[in-house]
Amino acid sequence: MPVDPAPGDPARPEPTAVVPPGDGPWAGGTVLSSVTAPAAVLSTPCAEVDPADPTVTALARDLVATMRAAPGCVGLAANQVGVAARVFALDVTGHPKARSCAGLVVLANPRLVAASQRKKGREGCLSVPDLTGDVARARRVTVAGVVPGRGEEVVVEADGFEAVAFQHELDHLEGLLFLDRVAGAHALHARRTYL
């Protein structure tokens, strides 16, 4: 992973706002069915998209609607609804583990720009409904991508839980599940249901 550039370093992109509060332009999507492992689309790297394409913008709206409809879901990649496209939606607003919160982030063709402070933590996934796993990930990241429909390149810096969520969604776009990141069977756990 790239080293996190120091503040003020020209290699470090300046953070920008991603979307206005609320779902704004992302409202009105359709809730889609989610795909679960071992579906082939989850293990296939996703194709780059044209962020200006209206079908990509519609897909982004559907991702937001589907994410909002799934209890506990803070992020959703396009391949989790069966579309092998490099688009995801993420929002950790209100999550008790969140230290940073960029609000609702919807990106096309996202990429990890910087990562640091690697630590192990527990992860779950809508596409792996019965398991959680211990995964080592960076706790500080910088992610860049293009906002569908606007064509605006944005950069988001995240810490802690939000940083982990970004990496989890980026992995989906590479055809990876958290199962591919655990150290072995000893790092997998049955998902608990809380009433």
C-alpha atoms as a PDB file:
ATOM      1  CA  MET A   1       0.000   0.000   0.000  1.00  0.00           C
ATOM      2  CA  PRO A   2       1.182   3.548  -0.631  1.00  0.00           C
ATOM      3  CA  VAL A   3       2.658   5.507   2.259  1.00  0.00           C
ATOM      4  CA  ASP A   4       0.481   8.302   3.653  1.00  0.00           C
ATOM      5  CA  PRO A   5       2.000  11.625   2.406  1.00  0.00           C
ATOM      6  CA  ALA A   6       2.502  14.338   5.013  1.00  0.00           C
ATOM      7  CA  PRO A   7       0.024  17.258   5.189  1.00  0.00           C
ATOM      8  CA  GLY A   8       1.034  19.948   2.697  1.00  0.00           C
ATOM      9  CA  ASP A   9       2.909  17.446   0.517  1.00  0.00           C
ATOM     10  CA  PRO A  10       1.952  18.071  -3.139  1.00  0.00           C
ATOM     11  CA  ALA A  11       1.402  14.296  -3.535  1.00  0.00           C
ATOM     12  CA  ARG A  12      -1.362  14.480  -0.907  1.00  0.00           C
ATOM     13  CA  PRO A  13      -4.676  15.504  -2.517  1.00  0.00           C
ATOM     14  CA  GLU A  14      -6.745  17.991  -0.552  1.00  0.00           C
ATOM     15  CA  PRO A  15      -9.973  16.562   0.897  1.00  0.00           C
ATOM     16  CA  THR A  16     -13.241  17.851  -0.556  1.00  0.00           C
ATOM     17  CA  ALA A  17     -16.894  17.572   0.339  1.00  0.00           C
ATOM     18  CA  VAL A  18     -18.517  14.612  -1.352  1.00  0.00           C
ATOM     19  CA  VAL A  19     -22.280  15.131  -1.327  1.00  0.00           C
ATOM     20  CA  PRO A  20     -24.656  17.463   0.467  1.00  0.00           C
ATOM     21  CA  PRO A  21     -26.295  16.290   3.728  1.00  0.00           C
ATOM     22  CA  GLY A  22     -29.012  13.688   3.258  1.00  0.00           C
ATOM     23  CA  ASP A  23     -29.298  11.588   0.147  1.00  0.00           C
ATOM     24  CA  GLY A  24     -29.741  14.642  -2.099  1.00  0.00           C
ATOM     25  CA  PRO A  25     -29.111  13.600  -5.700  1.00  0.00           C
ATOM     26  CA  TRP A  26     -28.951   9.941  -4.635  1.00  0.00           C
ATOM     27  CA  ALA A  27     -32.579   9.720  -3.502  1.00  0.00           C
ATOM     28  CA  GLY A  28     -35.166   7.804  -5.501  1.00  0.00           C
ATOM     29  CA  GLY A  29     -33.259   4.622  -6.279  1.00  0.00           C
ATOM     30  CA  THR A  30     -34.714   1.124  -6.383  1.00  0.00           C
ATOM     31  CA  VAL A  31     -33.904  -1.439  -3.701  1.00  0.00           C
ATOM     32  CA  LEU A  32     -32.194  -4.339  -5.467  1.00  0.00           C
ATOM     33  CA  SER A  33     -31.615  -7.914  -4.322  1.00  0.00           C
ATOM     34  CA  SER A  34     -28.182  -8.514  -2.883  1.00  0.00           C
ATOM     35  CA  VAL A  35     -25.892 -11.295  -4.057  1.00  0.00           C
ATOM     36  CA  THR A  36     -24.255 -13.690  -1.610  1.00  0.00           C
ATOM     37  CA  ALA A  37     -21.110 -15.781  -1.765  1.00  0.00           C
ATOM     38  CA  PRO A  38     -20.185 -17.899  -3.661  1.00  0.00           C
ATOM     39  CA  ALA A  39     -21.743 -15.940  -6.578  1.00  0.00           C
ATOM     40  CA  ALA A  40     -19.134 -15.547  -9.343  1.00  0.00           C
ATOM     41  CA  VAL A  41     -19.722 -11.783  -9.693  1.00  0.00           C
ATOM     42  CA  LEU A  42     -18.309 -11.320  -6.174  1.00  0.00           C
ATOM     43  CA  SER A  43     -14.963 -12.853  -7.147  1.00  0.00           C
ATOM     44  CA  THR A  44     -14.602 -11.016 -10.447  1.00  0.00           C
ATOM     45  CA  PRO A  45     -12.754  -7.678 -10.636  1.00  0.00           C
ATOM     46  CA  CYS A  46     -15.203  -4.946 -11.656  1.00  0.00           C
ATOM     47  CA  ALA A  47     -14.850  -2.943 -14.865  1.00  0.00           C
ATOM     48  CA  GLU A  48     -14.183   0.789 -14.938  1.00  0.00           C
ATOM     49  CA  VAL A  49     -17.258   2.844 -15.815  1.00  0.00           C
ATOM     50  CA  ASP A  50     -18.056   6.134 -17.513  1.00  0.00           C
ATOM     51  CA  PRO A  51     -19.181   8.297 -14.568  1.00  0.00           C
ATOM     52  CA  ALA A  52     -21.195  10.504 -16.966  1.00  0.00           C
ATOM     53  CA  ASP A  53     -23.285   7.567 -18.208  1.00  0.00           C
ATOM     54  CA  PRO A  54     -26.885   7.920 -16.923  1.00  0.00           C
ATOM     55  CA  THR A  55     -27.030   4.172 -16.240  1.00  0.00           C
ATOM     56  CA  VAL A  56     -24.088   4.562 -13.830  1.00  0.00           C
ATOM     57  CA  THR A  57     -25.894   7.386 -12.035  1.00  0.00           C
ATOM     58  CA  ALA A  58     -29.047   5.239 -11.822  1.00  0.00           C
ATOM     59  CA  LEU A  59     -26.984   2.336 -10.479  1.00  0.00           C
ATOM     60  CA  ALA A  60     -25.503   4.666  -7.840  1.00  0.00           C
ATOM     61  CA  ARG A  61     -29.015   5.682  -6.722  1.00  0.00           C
ATOM     62  CA  ASP A  62     -29.994   2.011  -6.507  1.00  0.00           C
ATOM     63  CA  LEU A  63     -26.900   1.242  -4.407  1.00  0.00           C
ATOM     64  CA  VAL A  64     -27.844   3.982  -1.944  1.00  0.00           C
ATOM     65  CA  ALA A  65     -31.449   2.737  -1.721  1.00  0.00           C
ATOM     66  CA  THR A  66     -30.335  -0.867  -1.262  1.00  0.00           C
ATOM     67  CA  MET A  67     -27.735   0.071   1.361  1.00  0.00           C
ATOM     68  CA  ARG A  68     -30.326   2.124   3.286  1.00  0.00           C
ATOM     69  CA  ALA A  69     -32.793  -0.803   3.216  1.00  0.00           C
ATOM     70  CA  ALA A  70     -30.313  -3.325   4.694  1.00  0.00           C
ATOM     71  CA  PRO A  71     -30.110  -3.057   8.498  1.00  0.00           C
ATOM     72  CA  GLY A  72     -26.579  -2.333   9.690  1.00  0.00           C
ATOM     73  CA  CYS A  73     -25.203  -1.899   6.165  1.00  0.00           C
ATOM     74  CA  VAL A  74     -22.736   1.003   5.856  1.00  0.00           C
ATOM     75  CA  GLY A  75     -21.442   0.308   2.343  1.00  0.00           C
ATOM     76  CA  LEU A  76     -22.421  -1.447  -0.849  1.00  0.00           C
ATOM     77  CA  ALA A  77     -20.460  -2.169  -4.019  1.00  0.00           C
ATOM     78  CA  ALA A  78     -22.131  -2.692  -7.391  1.00  0.00           C
ATOM     79  CA  ASN A  79     -21.109  -6.342  -7.642  1.00  0.00           C
ATOM     80  CA  GLN A  80     -23.025  -6.998  -4.406  1.00  0.00           C
ATOM     81  CA  VAL A  81     -26.188  -6.384  -6.448  1.00  0.00           C
ATOM     82  CA  GLY A  82     -24.886  -8.412  -9.398  1.00  0.00           C
ATOM     83  CA  VAL A  83     -23.358  -5.615 -11.500  1.00  0.00           C
ATOM     84  CA  ALA A  84     -19.591  -5.891 -12.134  1.00  0.00           C
ATOM     85  CA  ALA A  85     -19.022  -2.120 -12.255  1.00  0.00           C
ATOM     86  CA  ARG A  86     -16.545   0.007 -10.273  1.00  0.00           C
ATOM     87  CA  VAL A  87     -19.129   1.942  -8.243  1.00  0.00           C
ATOM     88  CA  PHE A  88     -19.903   1.950  -4.523  1.00  0.00           C
ATOM     89  CA  ALA A  89     -21.915   3.829  -1.902  1.00  0.00           C
ATOM     90  CA  LEU A  90     -20.795   4.250   1.699  1.00  0.00           C
ATOM     91  CA  ASP A  91     -22.187   6.058   4.760  1.00  0.00           C
ATOM     92  CA  VAL A  92     -21.098   5.466   8.372  1.00  0.00           C
ATOM     93  CA  THR A  93     -23.254   8.312   9.736  1.00  0.00           C
ATOM     94  CA  GLY A  94     -24.498   7.422  13.197  1.00  0.00           C
ATOM     95  CA  HIS A  95     -22.481   4.217  13.502  1.00  0.00           C
ATOM     96  CA  PRO A  96     -21.158   3.892  17.075  1.00  0.00           C
ATOM     97  CA  LYS A  97     -17.672   2.850  15.904  1.00  0.00           C
ATOM     98  CA  ALA A  98     -17.242   5.775  13.477  1.00  0.00           C
ATOM     99  CA  ARG A  99     -14.509   8.313  14.353  1.00  0.00           C
ATOM    100  CA  SER A 100     -14.541  10.123  11.024  1.00  0.00           C
ATOM    101  CA  CYS A 101     -17.659  10.542   8.914  1.00  0.00           C
ATOM    102  CA  ALA A 102     -17.696  11.999   5.407  1.00  0.00           C
ATOM    103  CA  GLY A 103     -21.452  11.419   5.169  1.00  0.00           C
ATOM    104  CA  LEU A 104     -22.858   9.686   2.137  1.00  0.00           C
ATOM    105  CA  VAL A 105     -20.036   8.969  -0.326  1.00  0.00           C
ATOM    106  CA  VAL A 106     -20.847   7.642  -3.808  1.00  0.00           C
ATOM    107  CA  LEU A 107     -17.871   7.030  -6.097  1.00  0.00           C
ATOM    108  CA  ALA A 108     -17.169   5.621  -9.522  1.00  0.00           C
ATOM    109  CA  ASN A 109     -13.742   4.220 -10.364  1.00  0.00           C
ATOM    110  CA  PRO A 110     -12.464   4.752  -6.808  1.00  0.00           C
ATOM    111  CA  ARG A 111      -8.885   4.090  -5.813  1.00  0.00           C
ATOM    112  CA  LEU A 112      -6.855   3.953  -2.615  1.00  0.00           C
ATOM    113  CA  VAL A 113      -4.389   6.858  -2.613  1.00  0.00           C
ATOM    114  CA  ALA A 114      -2.791   6.354   0.819  1.00  0.00           C
ATOM    115  CA  ALA A 115      -3.080   3.993   3.772  1.00  0.00           C
ATOM    116  CA  SER A 116      -1.411   3.778   7.180  1.00  0.00           C
ATOM    117  CA  GLN A 117      -1.810   2.526  10.763  1.00  0.00           C
ATOM    118  CA  ARG A 118      -2.652  -1.101  10.037  1.00  0.00           C
ATOM    119  CA  LYS A 119      -4.593  -2.956  12.750  1.00  0.00           C
ATOM    120  CA  LYS A 120      -6.751  -6.095  13.006  1.00  0.00           C
ATOM    121  CA  GLY A 121     -10.514  -5.789  13.529  1.00  0.00           C
ATOM    122  CA  ARG A 122     -13.789  -7.678  13.028  1.00  0.00           C
ATOM    123  CA  GLU A 123     -15.724  -7.302   9.761  1.00  0.00           C
ATOM    124  CA  GLY A 124     -19.012  -8.527   8.416  1.00  0.00           C
ATOM    125  CA  CYS A 125     -20.604  -8.290   4.992  1.00  0.00           C
ATOM    126  CA  LEU A 126     -24.064  -8.307   3.443  1.00  0.00           C
ATOM    127  CA  SER A 127     -22.746 -10.823   0.895  1.00  0.00           C
ATOM    128  CA  VAL A 128     -21.474 -13.188   3.620  1.00  0.00           C
ATOM    129  CA  PRO A 129     -24.491 -13.136   5.944  1.00  0.00           C
ATOM    130  CA  ASP A 130     -23.534 -15.901   8.384  1.00  0.00           C
ATOM    131  CA  LEU A 131     -19.900 -15.034   9.185  1.00  0.00           C
ATOM    132  CA  THR A 132     -17.648 -12.267  10.448  1.00  0.00           C
ATOM    133  CA  GLY A 133     -13.870 -12.289  10.313  1.00  0.00           C
ATOM    134  CA  ASP A 134     -10.762 -10.722  11.818  1.00  0.00           C
ATOM    135  CA  VAL A 135      -9.074  -8.662   9.094  1.00  0.00           C
ATOM    136  CA  ALA A 136      -5.964  -6.454   9.287  1.00  0.00           C
ATOM    137  CA  ARG A 137      -6.565  -3.124   7.535  1.00  0.00           C
ATOM    138  CA  ALA A 138      -5.234   0.416   7.579  1.00  0.00           C
ATOM    139  CA  ARG A 139      -6.939   2.744  10.068  1.00  0.00           C
ATOM    140  CA  ARG A 140      -6.172   5.902   8.062  1.00  0.00           C
ATOM    141  CA  VAL A 141      -6.859   6.106   4.336  1.00  0.00           C
ATOM    142  CA  THR A 142      -7.227   8.554   1.511  1.00  0.00           C
ATOM    143  CA  VAL A 143      -9.580   7.466  -1.267  1.00  0.00           C
ATOM    144  CA  ALA A 144     -10.213   9.250  -4.559  1.00  0.00           C
ATOM    145  CA  GLY A 145     -12.852   8.718  -7.217  1.00  0.00           C
ATOM    146  CA  VAL A 146     -15.406  10.405  -9.451  1.00  0.00           C
ATOM    147  CA  VAL A 147     -18.940  11.338  -8.409  1.00  0.00           C
ATOM    148  CA  PRO A 148     -21.332   9.680 -10.887  1.00  0.00           C
ATOM    149  CA  GLY A 149     -23.321  12.155 -12.947  1.00  0.00           C
ATOM    150  CA  ARG A 150     -21.225  15.127 -11.858  1.00  0.00           C
ATOM    151  CA  GLY A 151     -17.855  14.036 -13.195  1.00  0.00           C
ATOM    152  CA  GLU A 152     -16.192  15.694 -10.209  1.00  0.00           C
ATOM    153  CA  GLU A 153     -13.026  14.044  -8.875  1.00  0.00           C
ATOM    154  CA  VAL A 154     -13.194  13.951  -5.075  1.00  0.00           C
ATOM    155  CA  VAL A 155     -10.805  12.904  -2.351  1.00  0.00           C
ATOM    156  CA  VAL A 156     -11.917  11.594   1.031  1.00  0.00           C
ATOM    157  CA  GLU A 157      -9.750  11.073   4.097  1.00  0.00           C
ATOM    158  CA  ALA A 158     -11.052   8.613   6.671  1.00  0.00           C
ATOM    159  CA  ASP A 159     -10.010   7.187  10.035  1.00  0.00           C
ATOM    160  CA  GLY A 160     -10.928   4.098  12.027  1.00  0.00           C
ATOM    161  CA  PHE A 161     -14.170   2.338  11.149  1.00  0.00           C
ATOM    162  CA  GLU A 162     -14.816   4.523   8.097  1.00  0.00           C
ATOM    163  CA  ALA A 163     -11.312   3.778   6.756  1.00  0.00           C
ATOM    164  CA  VAL A 164     -11.981   0.058   7.140  1.00  0.00           C
ATOM    165  CA  ALA A 165     -15.352   0.418   5.380  1.00  0.00           C
ATOM    166  CA  PHE A 166     -13.703   2.150   2.392  1.00  0.00           C
ATOM    167  CA  GLN A 167     -11.131  -0.643   2.068  1.00  0.00           C
ATOM    168  CA  HIS A 168     -13.852  -3.288   2.371  1.00  0.00           C
ATOM    169  CA  GLU A 169     -15.789  -1.728  -0.546  1.00  0.00           C
ATOM    170  CA  LEU A 170     -12.624  -1.255  -2.614  1.00  0.00           C
ATOM    171  CA  ASP A 171     -11.867  -4.956  -2.091  1.00  0.00           C
ATOM    172  CA  HIS A 172     -15.318  -5.835  -3.450  1.00  0.00           C
ATOM    173  CA  LEU A 173     -14.489  -3.934  -6.635  1.00  0.00           C
ATOM    174  CA  GLU A 174     -11.319  -6.024  -6.967  1.00  0.00           C
ATOM    175  CA  GLY A 175     -13.333  -9.246  -6.615  1.00  0.00           C
ATOM    176  CA  LEU A 176     -12.281  -9.851  -3.006  1.00  0.00           C
ATOM    177  CA  LEU A 177     -14.358 -10.616   0.082  1.00  0.00           C
ATOM    178  CA  PHE A 178     -13.185 -10.231   3.672  1.00  0.00           C
ATOM    179  CA  LEU A 179     -12.922 -14.047   3.595  1.00  0.00           C
ATOM    180  CA  ASP A 180      -9.941 -13.571   1.253  1.00  0.00           C
ATOM    181  CA  ARG A 181      -8.218 -11.382   3.865  1.00  0.00           C
ATOM    182  CA  VAL A 182      -8.547 -13.471   7.038  1.00  0.00           C
ATOM    183  CA  ALA A 183      -5.483 -15.330   8.314  1.00  0.00           C
ATOM    184  CA  GLY A 184      -7.304 -18.673   8.411  1.00  0.00           C
ATOM    185  CA  ALA A 185     -10.329 -20.529   9.744  1.00  0.00           C
ATOM    186  CA  HIS A 186      -9.439 -19.479  13.317  1.00  0.00           C
ATOM    187  CA  ALA A 187     -10.171 -15.866  12.286  1.00  0.00           C
ATOM    188  CA  LEU A 188     -13.754 -16.613  11.160  1.00  0.00           C
ATOM    189  CA  HIS A 189     -16.717 -16.352  13.535  1.00  0.00           C
ATOM    190  CA  ALA A 190     -20.431 -17.095  13.362  1.00  0.00           C
ATOM    191  CA  ARG A 191     -22.348 -13.836  13.022  1.00  0.00           C
ATOM    192  CA  ARG A 192     -24.240 -12.902  16.163  1.00  0.00           C
ATOM    193  CA  THR A 193     -27.784 -11.623  16.016  1.00  0.00           C
ATOM    194  CA  TYR A 194     -28.629  -8.889  18.479  1.00  0.00           C
ATOM    195  CA  LEU A 195     -32.233  -8.295  19.512  1.00  0.00           C
END
